[in-house]
């Protein structure tokens, strides 16, 4: 990656890029931290310098001369949990101050960490630099000492999960309050009064229908059967409404829908198709259960469990946003997944929606009249998916459940306890060092308690 921070206004005298050769950066660090400041004796190199995941960003003049640098990377050995740290920020004393190189390196480090999927980004900062970091938006956590010298632990606020919840779910309270039946506010499906039927309805993003009509058709079935599964219901039929510019495009949408309906074994009962209009797709599914599982049945103290199918891959064209765990599965595997919640009979359940794992947990907690804590290190996650992507993506099949539940076989999914419901509101992330960081500060939908 080159020119991470290129020209801002007019012609910049320097650029920030990822360093390939670290020798100049290490020499500058030694000159400043060992020789000038006496912060370290002999060398300032440490284990982070030996970690192959550590990345160094450097500022270079137009002629290639090193002006400064900073390192970023995962905080701990083992799997990258989305906890990153920055450090060894250094600027050549000859150019320090006037050109804004230090602040630019800090901004570049923040951008790099967030782009890598970090959800927590810390730095231990010399006390005289605290003011600069605060001006850049960092939060002071607490004082620390490094080799007897005063420092502050500081944290860059990463709002990725809260922003996703705000974009996808926050307006719902004002829009639909009072429409849902008592006890099932904000649920994935709705009990049909006087029957054992559960009805679910979902629309697919028009841009997705236009871009990938076959996949949109598959997802119209997927999201509806997931909604029924979260209620513990067995699917019995599906209706759809399709809009398309012509018959050929409608055939591509319906082709994906037909493949998914066959794979899940849910009959298509009927629907409506309109040609000569912009692309659109929605579906309604019906299921049956004598014991619907509410999304708002949780209580403070309940353990949170995530059951997710980690097989598959990122859907081409939707890397980091949509995990395709279903299109390669056979009928028996798909039906086994759909039967899990009904067999387990937890006290509350929600399928993970476009709000992601964190946002959906926030919805379950909100409907239950409480908040939630998610243990980051315990979340089941596919290899190759960053924590930031995994907690914010649509994961194909994933169910959040709370409270007591019966023993049930989750296969081909995996299941793990990874948090608890707590008094309050919103969602916090708990890290291996015991720190808690805010993911979502308040209710997600505004619908309140079910």
Protein backbone atom coordinates (compact mmCIF):
# COMPACT_ATOMS: atom_id res chain seq x y z
CA UNK A 1 0.00 0.00 0.00
CA UNK A 2 1.49 3.31 -1.05
CA UNK A 3 0.46 6.93 -0.63
CA UNK A 4 -1.88 6.14 2.27
CA UNK A 5 -2.06 9.84 3.06
CA UNK A 6 -1.31 11.62 -0.23
CA UNK A 7 -1.92 15.21 -1.21
CA UNK A 8 -4.54 16.87 0.97
CA UNK A 9 -4.66 20.34 -0.52
CA UNK A 10 -2.38 21.30 -3.33
CA UNK A 11 1.07 19.70 -3.51
CA UNK A 12 2.17 17.79 -0.40
CA UNK A 13 5.92 17.72 0.43
CA UNK A 14 5.61 14.18 1.82
CA UNK A 15 3.46 11.06 1.69
CA UNK A 16 2.64 8.25 4.10
CA UNK A 17 3.08 4.67 2.92
CA UNK A 18 3.60 1.18 4.28
CA UNK A 19 7.28 0.55 4.87
CA UNK A 20 9.00 -2.35 3.13
CA UNK A 21 12.44 -1.72 4.64
CA UNK A 22 12.35 -0.94 8.38
CA UNK A 23 16.01 -0.07 8.95
CA UNK A 24 15.62 3.72 8.68
CA UNK A 25 12.57 3.62 10.95
CA UNK A 26 14.42 1.56 13.58
CA UNK A 27 17.40 3.92 13.43
CA UNK A 28 15.15 6.96 13.95
CA UNK A 29 13.43 5.26 16.88
CA UNK A 30 16.78 4.50 18.52
CA UNK A 31 17.96 8.07 18.05
CA UNK A 32 14.81 9.58 19.58
CA UNK A 33 13.71 7.08 22.24
CA UNK A 34 17.10 5.73 23.39
CA UNK A 35 19.66 8.47 22.73
CA UNK A 36 17.63 11.69 22.99
CA UNK A 37 14.90 10.83 25.51
CA UNK A 38 16.59 8.02 27.44
CA UNK A 39 13.25 6.22 27.62
CA UNK A 40 14.90 2.86 26.87
CA UNK A 41 18.37 1.51 27.62
CA UNK A 42 20.26 0.12 24.64
CA UNK A 43 17.30 -0.60 22.35
CA UNK A 44 13.58 0.08 22.09
CA UNK A 45 12.91 -3.03 19.97
CA UNK A 46 10.46 -5.53 21.49
CA UNK A 47 8.24 -8.51 20.66
CA UNK A 48 5.89 -6.45 18.54
CA UNK A 49 8.72 -5.74 16.14
CA UNK A 50 9.14 -9.50 15.67
CA UNK A 51 5.42 -10.12 15.06
CA UNK A 52 4.93 -10.60 11.28
CA UNK A 53 1.45 -9.04 11.60
CA UNK A 54 2.89 -5.71 12.73
CA UNK A 55 2.74 -3.04 10.02
CA UNK A 56 4.88 0.10 9.91
CA UNK A 57 3.61 3.27 8.25
CA UNK A 58 6.21 5.88 7.39
CA UNK A 59 6.19 9.46 6.21
CA UNK A 60 8.73 10.16 3.45
CA UNK A 61 9.76 13.35 1.73
CA UNK A 62 9.51 13.67 -2.02
CA UNK A 63 13.13 12.55 -2.28
CA UNK A 64 12.53 9.43 -0.20
CA UNK A 65 14.01 10.69 3.10
CA UNK A 66 12.34 9.25 6.21
CA UNK A 67 10.48 11.90 8.22
CA UNK A 68 8.64 9.72 10.73
CA UNK A 69 6.82 6.48 11.34
CA UNK A 70 4.41 4.50 13.48
CA UNK A 71 3.69 0.80 13.94
CA UNK A 72 0.28 -0.88 14.24
CA UNK A 73 -0.83 -4.47 14.71
CA UNK A 74 -2.77 -6.98 16.82
CA UNK A 75 -2.32 -6.52 20.55
CA UNK A 76 -1.81 -10.13 21.55
CA UNK A 77 -0.36 -13.37 20.27
CA UNK A 78 -2.74 -15.91 18.79
CA UNK A 79 -5.79 -15.20 16.63
CA UNK A 80 -6.45 -11.59 15.71
CA UNK A 81 -9.49 -10.71 17.82
CA UNK A 82 -9.85 -7.17 16.50
CA UNK A 83 -7.87 -5.62 19.37
CA UNK A 84 -5.06 -3.59 17.85
CA UNK A 85 -2.41 -1.29 19.27
CA UNK A 86 -0.37 1.52 17.83
CA UNK A 87 3.02 2.58 19.10
CA UNK A 88 6.53 3.87 18.58
CA UNK A 89 5.21 7.03 16.90
CA UNK A 90 8.31 8.99 16.00
CA UNK A 91 9.06 12.10 13.94
CA UNK A 92 12.51 13.35 12.98
CA UNK A 93 13.24 16.32 15.33
CA UNK A 94 14.34 18.38 12.33
CA UNK A 95 10.79 18.43 10.88
CA UNK A 96 8.75 18.06 14.05
CA UNK A 97 5.78 20.37 14.55
CA UNK A 98 5.16 22.65 11.63
CA UNK A 99 4.33 20.10 8.92
CA UNK A 100 1.80 18.06 10.95
CA UNK A 101 3.57 14.77 10.28
CA UNK A 102 2.83 13.28 13.70
CA UNK A 103 -0.96 13.87 13.55
CA UNK A 104 -1.05 12.58 9.97
CA UNK A 105 0.69 9.36 11.02
CA UNK A 106 -1.80 8.93 13.86
CA UNK A 107 -4.74 9.38 11.48
CA UNK A 108 -3.18 6.92 9.04
CA UNK A 109 -2.71 4.35 11.82
CA UNK A 110 -6.37 4.69 12.85
CA UNK A 111 -7.53 4.23 9.26
CA UNK A 112 -5.29 1.21 8.74
CA UNK A 113 -6.47 -0.51 11.94
CA UNK A 114 -10.15 0.07 11.17
CA UNK A 115 -9.70 -1.15 7.61
CA UNK A 116 -8.09 -4.33 8.99
CA UNK A 117 -11.22 -5.05 11.04
CA UNK A 118 -10.12 -3.70 14.43
CA UNK A 119 -12.87 -2.87 16.91
CA UNK A 120 -10.52 -1.66 19.63
CA UNK A 121 -7.43 0.44 18.97
CA UNK A 122 -5.19 1.48 21.88
CA UNK A 123 -1.95 3.38 22.26
CA UNK A 124 0.28 4.15 25.24
CA UNK A 125 1.17 7.81 24.80
CA UNK A 126 3.78 9.99 26.46
CA UNK A 127 2.02 12.44 28.77
CA UNK A 128 3.19 15.45 26.77
CA UNK A 129 1.49 14.04 23.68
CA UNK A 130 -1.90 13.41 25.34
CA UNK A 131 -3.24 16.79 24.28
CA UNK A 132 -2.43 16.15 20.61
CA UNK A 133 -4.16 12.78 20.69
CA UNK A 134 -7.23 14.26 22.36
CA UNK A 135 -7.43 16.91 19.66
CA UNK A 136 -7.44 14.09 17.12
CA UNK A 137 -10.44 12.48 18.84
CA UNK A 138 -8.76 9.91 21.08
CA UNK A 139 -10.06 9.16 24.59
CA UNK A 140 -7.85 9.06 27.69
CA UNK A 141 -8.40 5.82 29.60
CA UNK A 142 -5.95 6.01 32.52
CA UNK A 143 -2.37 6.99 33.46
CA UNK A 144 0.40 4.46 32.93
CA UNK A 145 4.14 4.34 33.50
CA UNK A 146 6.71 3.16 30.96
CA UNK A 147 10.19 2.70 32.42
CA UNK A 148 9.34 5.22 35.12
CA UNK A 149 8.13 7.85 32.65
CA UNK A 150 4.50 9.12 32.75
CA UNK A 151 2.25 7.94 29.93
CA UNK A 152 -1.47 7.58 29.25
CA UNK A 153 -3.37 4.64 27.85
CA UNK A 154 -5.52 6.15 25.11
CA UNK A 155 -8.17 4.65 22.85
CA UNK A 156 -9.46 5.55 19.41
CA UNK A 157 -13.29 5.32 19.41
CA UNK A 158 -14.35 2.92 16.65
CA UNK A 159 -18.04 3.40 15.84
CA UNK A 160 -18.43 0.75 13.16
CA UNK A 161 -20.98 -1.42 14.96
CA UNK A 162 -23.02 1.50 16.25
CA UNK A 163 -23.08 3.10 12.80
CA UNK A 164 -24.38 -0.12 11.25
CA UNK A 165 -27.15 -0.37 13.83
CA UNK A 166 -28.07 3.26 13.27
CA UNK A 167 -28.22 2.85 9.51
CA UNK A 168 -30.21 -0.38 9.47
CA UNK A 169 -32.47 -0.36 12.54
CA UNK A 170 -32.62 2.91 14.52
CA UNK A 171 -35.57 4.49 12.65
CA UNK A 172 -37.87 1.49 13.21
CA UNK A 173 -39.33 2.55 16.55
CA UNK A 174 -41.02 5.68 15.23
CA UNK A 175 -42.14 3.90 12.05
CA UNK A 176 -43.76 0.71 13.31
CA UNK A 177 -44.44 1.16 17.04
CA UNK A 178 -47.81 -0.34 17.96
CA UNK A 179 -48.10 -2.58 14.91
CA UNK A 180 -46.66 -5.77 16.45
CA UNK A 181 -48.62 -8.08 18.77
CA UNK A 182 -47.92 -7.81 22.49
CA UNK A 183 -45.03 -9.97 23.59
CA UNK A 184 -43.50 -10.22 20.12
CA UNK A 185 -42.41 -6.63 19.46
CA UNK A 186 -39.37 -6.60 17.18
CA UNK A 187 -39.54 -10.35 16.59
CA UNK A 188 -38.37 -12.13 13.47
CA UNK A 189 -41.86 -13.49 12.80
CA UNK A 190 -45.39 -12.84 13.98
CA UNK A 191 -47.83 -15.37 15.44
CA UNK A 192 -51.10 -15.47 13.50
CA UNK A 193 -53.90 -15.04 16.08
CA UNK A 194 -56.02 -18.10 16.72
CA UNK A 195 -53.61 -20.52 15.07
CA UNK A 196 -50.21 -22.18 15.35
CA UNK A 197 -48.98 -20.27 12.29
CA UNK A 198 -45.99 -17.94 12.24
CA UNK A 199 -45.69 -15.41 9.42
CA UNK A 200 -42.43 -13.76 8.35
CA UNK A 201 -41.78 -11.20 5.64
CA UNK A 202 -38.57 -9.75 4.21
CA UNK A 203 -37.59 -7.50 1.33
CA UNK A 204 -34.24 -7.70 -0.46
CA UNK A 205 -32.28 -4.54 -1.14
CA UNK A 206 -33.17 -3.32 -4.65
CA UNK A 207 -29.50 -2.66 -5.41
CA UNK A 208 -28.70 -6.29 -4.57
CA UNK A 209 -31.54 -7.55 -6.76
CA UNK A 210 -30.24 -5.47 -9.65
CA UNK A 211 -26.62 -6.49 -9.12
CA UNK A 212 -26.99 -10.21 -8.39
CA UNK A 213 -30.55 -11.39 -9.17
CA UNK A 214 -29.92 -15.12 -8.69
CA UNK A 215 -28.35 -14.59 -5.26
CA UNK A 216 -31.14 -12.18 -4.34
CA UNK A 217 -33.67 -14.90 -5.14
CA UNK A 218 -31.78 -17.37 -2.95
CA UNK A 219 -31.58 -14.86 -0.10
CA UNK A 220 -35.31 -14.12 -0.25
CA UNK A 221 -35.88 -17.72 0.84
CA UNK A 222 -32.91 -17.82 3.21
CA UNK A 223 -33.85 -14.79 5.31
CA UNK A 224 -37.47 -15.88 5.63
CA UNK A 225 -36.74 -19.45 6.70
CA UNK A 226 -34.19 -18.04 9.15
CA UNK A 227 -36.91 -15.82 10.62
CA UNK A 228 -39.17 -18.83 11.05
CA UNK A 229 -36.32 -20.87 12.51
CA UNK A 230 -35.62 -18.16 15.12
CA UNK A 231 -39.24 -18.53 16.28
CA UNK A 232 -38.86 -22.31 16.44
CA UNK A 233 -41.27 -22.79 13.52
CA UNK A 234 -41.27 -25.43 10.78
CA UNK A 235 -41.67 -23.80 7.32
CA UNK A 236 -44.80 -24.73 5.37
CA UNK A 237 -44.92 -22.33 2.42
CA UNK A 238 -43.63 -19.18 0.72
CA UNK A 239 -45.13 -16.30 -1.28
CA UNK A 240 -43.09 -13.80 -3.30
CA UNK A 241 -43.44 -10.49 -5.11
CA UNK A 242 -41.01 -9.76 -7.96
CA UNK A 243 -40.41 -6.59 -9.95
CA UNK A 244 -38.15 -6.71 -13.02
CA UNK A 245 -37.41 -4.75 -16.16
CA UNK A 246 -38.20 -7.72 -18.40
CA UNK A 247 -39.01 -11.43 -18.37
CA UNK A 248 -35.36 -12.49 -18.73
CA UNK A 249 -34.37 -10.58 -15.60
CA UNK A 250 -37.37 -11.90 -13.67
CA UNK A 251 -36.34 -15.44 -14.66
CA UNK A 252 -32.93 -14.92 -13.06
CA UNK A 253 -34.53 -13.77 -9.78
CA UNK A 254 -37.02 -16.62 -9.77
CA UNK A 255 -34.31 -19.10 -10.69
CA UNK A 256 -32.42 -18.34 -7.48
CA UNK A 257 -35.63 -18.39 -5.48
CA UNK A 258 -36.62 -21.77 -6.94
CA UNK A 259 -33.20 -23.30 -6.19
CA UNK A 260 -33.39 -22.17 -2.57
CA UNK A 261 -36.99 -23.32 -2.13
CA UNK A 262 -36.03 -26.75 -3.45
CA UNK A 263 -32.93 -26.90 -1.23
CA UNK A 264 -34.91 -26.01 1.92
CA UNK A 265 -37.93 -28.08 0.92
CA UNK A 266 -40.37 -25.18 1.28
CA UNK A 267 -43.13 -25.02 -1.37
CA UNK A 268 -43.73 -21.76 -3.24
CA UNK A 269 -47.47 -21.22 -2.80
CA UNK A 270 -47.80 -18.28 -5.17
CA UNK A 271 -46.90 -14.66 -5.63
CA UNK A 272 -46.93 -11.70 -7.97
CA UNK A 273 -44.60 -10.68 -10.82
CA UNK A 274 -44.54 -7.20 -12.36
CA UNK A 275 -42.49 -6.48 -15.49
CA UNK A 276 -41.32 -3.14 -16.85
CA UNK A 277 -40.44 -1.76 -13.42
CA UNK A 278 -37.24 -1.31 -11.36
CA UNK A 279 -35.83 -4.47 -9.74
CA UNK A 280 -37.50 -5.45 -6.47
CA UNK A 281 -38.10 -8.61 -4.47
CA UNK A 282 -39.90 -9.51 -1.27
CA UNK A 283 -41.15 -12.77 0.18
CA UNK A 284 -43.47 -13.94 2.91
CA UNK A 285 -43.06 -17.31 4.61
CA UNK A 286 -45.42 -19.29 6.81
CA UNK A 287 -44.44 -21.82 9.45
CA UNK A 288 -45.97 -23.77 12.31
CA UNK A 289 -45.09 -24.15 15.97
CA UNK A 290 -46.98 -24.75 19.21
CA UNK A 291 -44.28 -22.96 21.18
CA UNK A 292 -43.08 -19.76 19.46
CA UNK A 293 -39.76 -18.54 20.85
CA UNK A 294 -39.84 -14.78 21.46
CA UNK A 295 -36.97 -12.42 20.74
CA UNK A 296 -37.66 -10.56 23.96
CA UNK A 297 -37.66 -13.43 26.45
CA UNK A 298 -34.23 -12.75 27.89
CA UNK A 299 -33.45 -11.45 31.38
CA UNK A 300 -30.34 -10.01 33.05
CA UNK A 301 -28.07 -12.89 34.02
CA UNK A 302 -29.00 -15.06 31.04
CA UNK A 303 -26.03 -16.43 29.15
CA UNK A 304 -25.85 -15.53 25.46
CA UNK A 305 -25.10 -18.31 22.97
CA UNK A 306 -24.18 -17.91 19.30
CA UNK A 307 -24.89 -20.81 16.96
CA UNK A 308 -23.42 -20.19 13.50
CA UNK A 309 -22.57 -22.11 10.37
CA UNK A 310 -18.91 -21.25 9.73
CA UNK A 311 -18.68 -23.23 6.50
CA UNK A 312 -18.59 -21.44 3.17
CA UNK A 313 -16.94 -18.20 2.12
CA UNK A 314 -17.54 -14.53 1.49
CA UNK A 315 -20.05 -14.10 -1.30
CA UNK A 316 -18.15 -12.79 -4.38
CA UNK A 317 -18.75 -9.07 -4.61
CA UNK A 318 -19.75 -8.82 -0.94
CA UNK A 319 -16.47 -9.48 0.88
CA UNK A 320 -16.76 -8.51 4.52
CA UNK A 321 -20.52 -8.00 4.24
CA UNK A 322 -22.21 -11.30 3.34
CA UNK A 323 -20.99 -14.74 4.40
CA UNK A 324 -22.44 -17.49 2.19
CA UNK A 325 -22.75 -20.51 4.46
CA UNK A 326 -25.87 -21.95 2.80
CA UNK A 327 -25.66 -22.23 -0.99
CA UNK A 328 -23.26 -25.21 -0.82
CA UNK A 329 -25.34 -27.10 1.76
CA UNK A 330 -27.65 -30.00 0.92
CA UNK A 331 -31.28 -30.36 1.90
CA UNK A 332 -30.65 -32.44 5.03
CA UNK A 333 -28.04 -30.00 6.39
CA UNK A 334 -30.23 -26.97 5.74
CA UNK A 335 -33.23 -28.55 7.44
CA UNK A 336 -31.06 -29.55 10.42
CA UNK A 337 -29.97 -25.94 10.84
CA UNK A 338 -33.52 -24.68 10.62
CA UNK A 339 -34.68 -27.14 13.30
CA UNK A 340 -32.09 -26.11 15.91
CA UNK A 341 -33.98 -23.41 17.81
CA UNK A 342 -37.20 -25.41 17.82
CA UNK A 343 -35.35 -28.34 19.35
CA UNK A 344 -33.40 -26.24 21.86
CA UNK A 345 -36.42 -24.17 23.02
CA UNK A 346 -34.36 -21.29 24.51
CA UNK A 347 -36.06 -18.49 26.40
CA UNK A 348 -35.21 -15.97 23.67
CA UNK A 349 -33.83 -16.21 20.14
CA UNK A 350 -33.09 -14.01 17.16
CA UNK A 351 -31.51 -14.80 13.82
CA UNK A 352 -28.60 -12.54 12.95
CA UNK A 353 -29.78 -9.98 10.43
CA UNK A 354 -28.16 -7.18 8.41
CA UNK A 355 -27.46 -5.43 11.73
CA UNK A 356 -24.77 -8.09 12.32
CA UNK A 357 -24.09 -10.13 15.43
CA UNK A 358 -23.59 -7.12 17.69
CA UNK A 359 -26.61 -5.24 16.36
CA UNK A 360 -28.86 -8.29 16.55
CA UNK A 361 -27.72 -8.97 20.12
CA UNK A 362 -28.62 -5.36 20.86
CA UNK A 363 -32.11 -5.95 19.43
CA UNK A 364 -32.61 -9.07 21.57
CA UNK A 365 -31.41 -7.22 24.67
CA UNK A 366 -33.60 -4.20 23.91
CA UNK A 367 -36.71 -6.37 23.48
CA UNK A 368 -35.78 -8.08 26.76
CA UNK A 369 -35.49 -4.78 28.60
CA UNK A 370 -31.77 -5.00 29.30
CA UNK A 371 -28.27 -4.67 27.87
CA UNK A 372 -25.69 -7.23 26.78
CA UNK A 373 -21.99 -8.02 27.01
CA UNK A 374 -20.30 -9.98 24.22
CA UNK A 375 -17.10 -11.91 24.97
CA UNK A 376 -15.07 -11.26 21.84
CA UNK A 377 -12.65 -14.16 22.33
CA UNK A 378 -15.51 -16.68 22.64
CA UNK A 379 -17.41 -15.74 19.49
CA UNK A 380 -17.33 -18.59 16.91
CA UNK A 381 -15.78 -17.14 13.75
CA UNK A 382 -14.58 -18.47 10.38
CA UNK A 383 -10.88 -18.42 9.61
CA UNK A 384 -10.02 -15.47 7.43
CA UNK A 385 -12.86 -13.24 8.66
CA UNK A 386 -11.75 -10.23 10.70
CA UNK A 387 -13.64 -9.61 13.92
CA UNK A 388 -14.91 -6.28 12.60
CA UNK A 389 -16.31 -7.94 9.47
CA UNK A 390 -17.76 -10.92 11.31
CA UNK A 391 -19.63 -8.92 13.96
CA UNK A 392 -21.10 -6.61 11.32
CA UNK A 393 -21.82 -8.90 8.37
CA UNK A 394 -24.83 -10.98 7.38
CA UNK A 395 -23.52 -14.46 8.31
CA UNK A 396 -25.89 -16.71 6.37
CA UNK A 397 -27.10 -18.85 9.24
CA UNK A 398 -26.49 -17.61 12.80
CA UNK A 399 -28.79 -17.65 15.82
CA UNK A 400 -28.44 -15.80 19.10
CA UNK A 401 -30.17 -17.52 22.02
CA UNK A 402 -30.37 -16.82 25.75
CA UNK A 403 -31.48 -18.51 28.94
CA UNK A 404 -32.04 -22.16 29.68
CA UNK A 405 -32.39 -24.42 26.67
CA UNK A 406 -32.62 -28.10 25.86
CA UNK A 407 -29.70 -30.07 24.49
CA UNK A 408 -29.83 -29.90 20.70
CA UNK A 409 -27.40 -30.86 17.96
CA UNK A 410 -26.30 -27.68 16.12
CA UNK A 411 -24.47 -29.44 13.29
CA UNK A 412 -23.38 -28.44 10.72
CA UNK A 413 -23.23 -25.21 12.74
CA UNK A 414 -21.11 -24.72 15.87
CA UNK A 415 -22.33 -23.20 19.11
CA UNK A 416 -20.69 -21.42 22.03
CA UNK A 417 -21.59 -19.32 25.01
CA UNK A 418 -20.13 -15.90 24.36
CA UNK A 419 -21.70 -13.34 26.67
CA UNK A 420 -24.56 -12.48 28.95
CA UNK A 421 -27.50 -10.15 29.33
CA UNK A 422 -26.97 -7.41 31.93
CA UNK A 423 -28.94 -4.55 33.47
CA UNK A 424 -28.92 -1.37 31.38
CA UNK A 425 -29.01 -1.01 27.62
CA UNK A 426 -26.84 -1.36 24.54
CA UNK A 427 -24.00 -3.80 23.85
CA UNK A 428 -20.47 -3.80 25.23
CA UNK A 429 -17.52 -5.89 24.09
CA UNK A 430 -15.44 -7.71 26.71
CA UNK A 431 -11.79 -8.29 25.78
CA UNK A 432 -9.28 -10.89 27.05
CA UNK A 433 -7.69 -8.34 29.40
CA UNK A 434 -11.08 -7.68 31.05
CA UNK A 435 -11.59 -4.28 29.42
CA UNK A 436 -15.09 -3.36 28.28
CA UNK A 437 -15.65 -1.14 25.25
CA UNK A 438 -18.91 0.25 23.93
CA UNK A 439 -20.23 -1.29 20.73
CA UNK A 440 -23.77 0.14 20.80
CA UNK A 441 -24.65 2.68 23.46
CA UNK A 442 -28.44 2.42 23.52
CA UNK A 443 -31.39 0.51 22.13
CA UNK A 444 -31.08 -0.50 18.50
CA UNK A 445 -34.62 -0.15 17.14
CA UNK A 446 -36.35 2.22 19.57
CA UNK A 447 -39.18 -0.33 19.88
CA UNK A 448 -38.44 -0.89 23.54
CA UNK A 449 -39.35 -3.91 25.64
CA UNK A 450 -41.55 -6.57 24.05
